[in-house]
Amino acid sequence: MARVIAADKCVACGSCIGECPVEAIKEGDVYTIDADACIDCGACEATCPNEAITEA
């Protein structure tokens, strides 16, 4: 299972981008996670200050 980013909580702060070891997070007005690339390690979830990232 991959992680997902809740659009209503994401403020595109960038905290999660550098934590992803497989570069599955894509920048934008709201960040997104490529489910095919995500290895479900949880590193991004742990660094999100808004708790916007959860398991799908």
N, C-alpha and C. Protein backbone atom coordinates (compact mmCIF):
# COMPACT_ATOMS: atom_id res chain seq x y z
N MET A 1 0.84 -1.18 0.00
CA MET A 1 0.00 0.00 0.00
C MET A 1 0.89 1.24 0.00
N ALA A 2 0.45 2.28 -0.63
CA ALA A 2 1.21 3.52 -0.72
C ALA A 2 0.65 4.57 0.25
N ARG A 3 1.38 5.63 0.41
CA ARG A 3 0.92 6.76 1.20
C ARG A 3 0.16 7.72 0.29
N VAL A 4 -0.70 8.53 0.87
CA VAL A 4 -1.43 9.57 0.12
C VAL A 4 -1.33 10.87 0.89
N ILE A 5 -1.49 11.98 0.16
CA ILE A 5 -1.45 13.30 0.77
C ILE A 5 -2.84 13.91 0.69
N ALA A 6 -3.38 14.32 1.83
CA ALA A 6 -4.70 14.95 1.88
C ALA A 6 -4.59 16.38 1.37
N ALA A 7 -5.27 16.66 0.28
CA ALA A 7 -5.20 17.97 -0.36
C ALA A 7 -5.64 19.10 0.57
N ASP A 8 -6.57 18.83 1.45
CA ASP A 8 -7.07 19.88 2.34
C ASP A 8 -6.12 20.18 3.50
N LYS A 9 -5.11 19.34 3.71
CA LYS A 9 -4.15 19.56 4.79
C LYS A 9 -2.77 19.98 4.29
N CYS A 10 -2.44 19.63 3.04
CA CYS A 10 -1.11 19.92 2.49
C CYS A 10 -0.97 21.41 2.18
N VAL A 11 0.12 22.00 2.68
CA VAL A 11 0.41 23.41 2.40
C VAL A 11 1.65 23.55 1.52
N ALA A 12 2.09 22.44 0.93
CA ALA A 12 3.25 22.42 0.02
C ALA A 12 4.49 23.05 0.66
N CYS A 13 4.75 22.69 1.91
CA CYS A 13 5.89 23.25 2.63
C CYS A 13 7.23 22.63 2.20
N GLY A 14 7.18 21.40 1.64
CA GLY A 14 8.39 20.76 1.17
C GLY A 14 9.08 19.86 2.18
N SER A 15 8.55 19.74 3.38
CA SER A 15 9.19 18.91 4.40
C SER A 15 9.34 17.46 3.96
N CYS A 16 8.39 16.97 3.23
CA CYS A 16 8.38 15.55 2.85
C CYS A 16 9.29 15.22 1.66
N ILE A 17 9.49 16.16 0.77
CA ILE A 17 10.21 15.90 -0.48
C ILE A 17 11.60 15.30 -0.24
N GLY A 18 12.38 15.89 0.62
CA GLY A 18 13.73 15.42 0.86
C GLY A 18 13.81 14.11 1.62
N GLU A 19 12.73 13.70 2.23
CA GLU A 19 12.73 12.48 3.03
C GLU A 19 12.44 11.23 2.20
N CYS A 20 11.87 11.39 1.02
CA CYS A 20 11.48 10.24 0.21
C CYS A 20 12.70 9.64 -0.49
N PRO A 21 13.04 8.38 -0.16
CA PRO A 21 14.23 7.76 -0.74
C PRO A 21 14.07 7.36 -2.21
N VAL A 22 12.82 7.35 -2.72
CA VAL A 22 12.60 6.93 -4.11
C VAL A 22 12.01 8.06 -4.97
N GLU A 23 12.00 9.27 -4.44
CA GLU A 23 11.51 10.45 -5.16
C GLU A 23 10.10 10.26 -5.70
N ALA A 24 9.21 9.70 -4.87
CA ALA A 24 7.83 9.45 -5.28
C ALA A 24 6.92 10.67 -5.08
N ILE A 25 7.40 11.69 -4.39
CA ILE A 25 6.58 12.86 -4.11
C ILE A 25 6.81 13.92 -5.18
N LYS A 26 5.71 14.42 -5.72
CA LYS A 26 5.77 15.41 -6.78
C LYS A 26 5.26 16.75 -6.26
N GLU A 27 6.00 17.82 -6.61
CA GLU A 27 5.63 19.17 -6.18
C GLU A 27 4.47 19.71 -6.99
N GLY A 28 3.77 20.68 -6.40
CA GLY A 28 2.66 21.37 -7.03
C GLY A 28 2.01 22.26 -5.99
N ASP A 29 0.85 22.80 -6.31
CA ASP A 29 0.12 23.60 -5.32
C ASP A 29 -0.16 22.74 -4.10
N VAL A 30 -0.45 21.49 -4.35
CA VAL A 30 -0.58 20.46 -3.33
C VAL A 30 0.29 19.32 -3.81
N TYR A 31 1.10 18.76 -2.94
CA TYR A 31 1.99 17.68 -3.34
C TYR A 31 1.21 16.39 -3.55
N THR A 32 1.76 15.51 -4.37
CA THR A 32 1.14 14.21 -4.61
C THR A 32 2.20 13.12 -4.48
N ILE A 33 1.76 11.91 -4.24
CA ILE A 33 2.66 10.76 -4.14
C ILE A 33 2.31 9.78 -5.25
N ASP A 34 3.31 9.41 -6.02
CA ASP A 34 3.15 8.42 -7.08
C ASP A 34 3.04 7.04 -6.42
N ALA A 35 1.85 6.48 -6.44
CA ALA A 35 1.60 5.20 -5.77
C ALA A 35 2.44 4.07 -6.33
N ASP A 36 2.77 4.13 -7.61
CA ASP A 36 3.59 3.08 -8.22
C ASP A 36 5.04 3.15 -7.76
N ALA A 37 5.51 4.33 -7.42
CA ALA A 37 6.89 4.51 -6.99
C ALA A 37 7.06 4.40 -5.47
N CYS A 38 6.02 4.69 -4.73
CA CYS A 38 6.07 4.69 -3.26
C CYS A 38 6.38 3.29 -2.73
N ILE A 39 7.34 3.22 -1.80
CA ILE A 39 7.70 1.94 -1.18
C ILE A 39 7.11 1.81 0.23
N ASP A 40 6.26 2.76 0.61
CA ASP A 40 5.54 2.73 1.88
C ASP A 40 6.46 2.67 3.09
N CYS A 41 7.54 3.45 3.05
CA CYS A 41 8.49 3.45 4.16
C CYS A 41 8.04 4.33 5.32
N GLY A 42 7.18 5.33 5.04
CA GLY A 42 6.66 6.19 6.09
C GLY A 42 7.52 7.39 6.43
N ALA A 43 8.64 7.56 5.77
CA ALA A 43 9.53 8.68 6.09
C ALA A 43 8.85 10.02 5.87
N CYS A 44 8.07 10.13 4.82
CA CYS A 44 7.39 11.39 4.52
C CYS A 44 6.32 11.70 5.58
N GLU A 45 5.60 10.68 5.98
CA GLU A 45 4.53 10.85 6.96
C GLU A 45 5.09 11.38 8.28
N ALA A 46 6.24 10.87 8.67
CA ALA A 46 6.86 11.26 9.94
C ALA A 46 7.30 12.72 9.95
N THR A 47 7.59 13.29 8.78
CA THR A 47 8.10 14.67 8.74
C THR A 47 7.04 15.71 8.43
N CYS A 48 5.84 15.29 8.07
CA CYS A 48 4.78 16.26 7.71
C CYS A 48 4.26 16.99 8.93
N PRO A 49 4.43 18.33 8.99
CA PRO A 49 3.98 19.08 10.17
C PRO A 49 2.46 19.21 10.26
N ASN A 50 1.76 18.94 9.16
CA ASN A 50 0.30 19.09 9.16
C ASN A 50 -0.45 17.76 9.20
N GLU A 51 0.29 16.66 9.35
CA GLU A 51 -0.30 15.33 9.36
C GLU A 51 -1.17 15.10 8.13
N ALA A 52 -0.68 15.56 6.98
CA ALA A 52 -1.40 15.44 5.72
C ALA A 52 -1.16 14.13 5.01
N ILE A 53 -0.17 13.37 5.46
CA ILE A 53 0.19 12.12 4.78
C ILE A 53 -0.24 10.93 5.61
N THR A 54 -0.97 10.02 4.97
CA THR A 54 -1.48 8.83 5.64
C THR A 54 -1.36 7.63 4.72
N GLU A 55 -1.61 6.45 5.25
CA GLU A 55 -1.64 5.25 4.43
C GLU A 55 -2.89 5.27 3.57
N ALA A 56 -2.76 4.79 2.35
CA ALA A 56 -3.92 4.75 1.43
C ALA A 56 -4.89 3.68 1.85
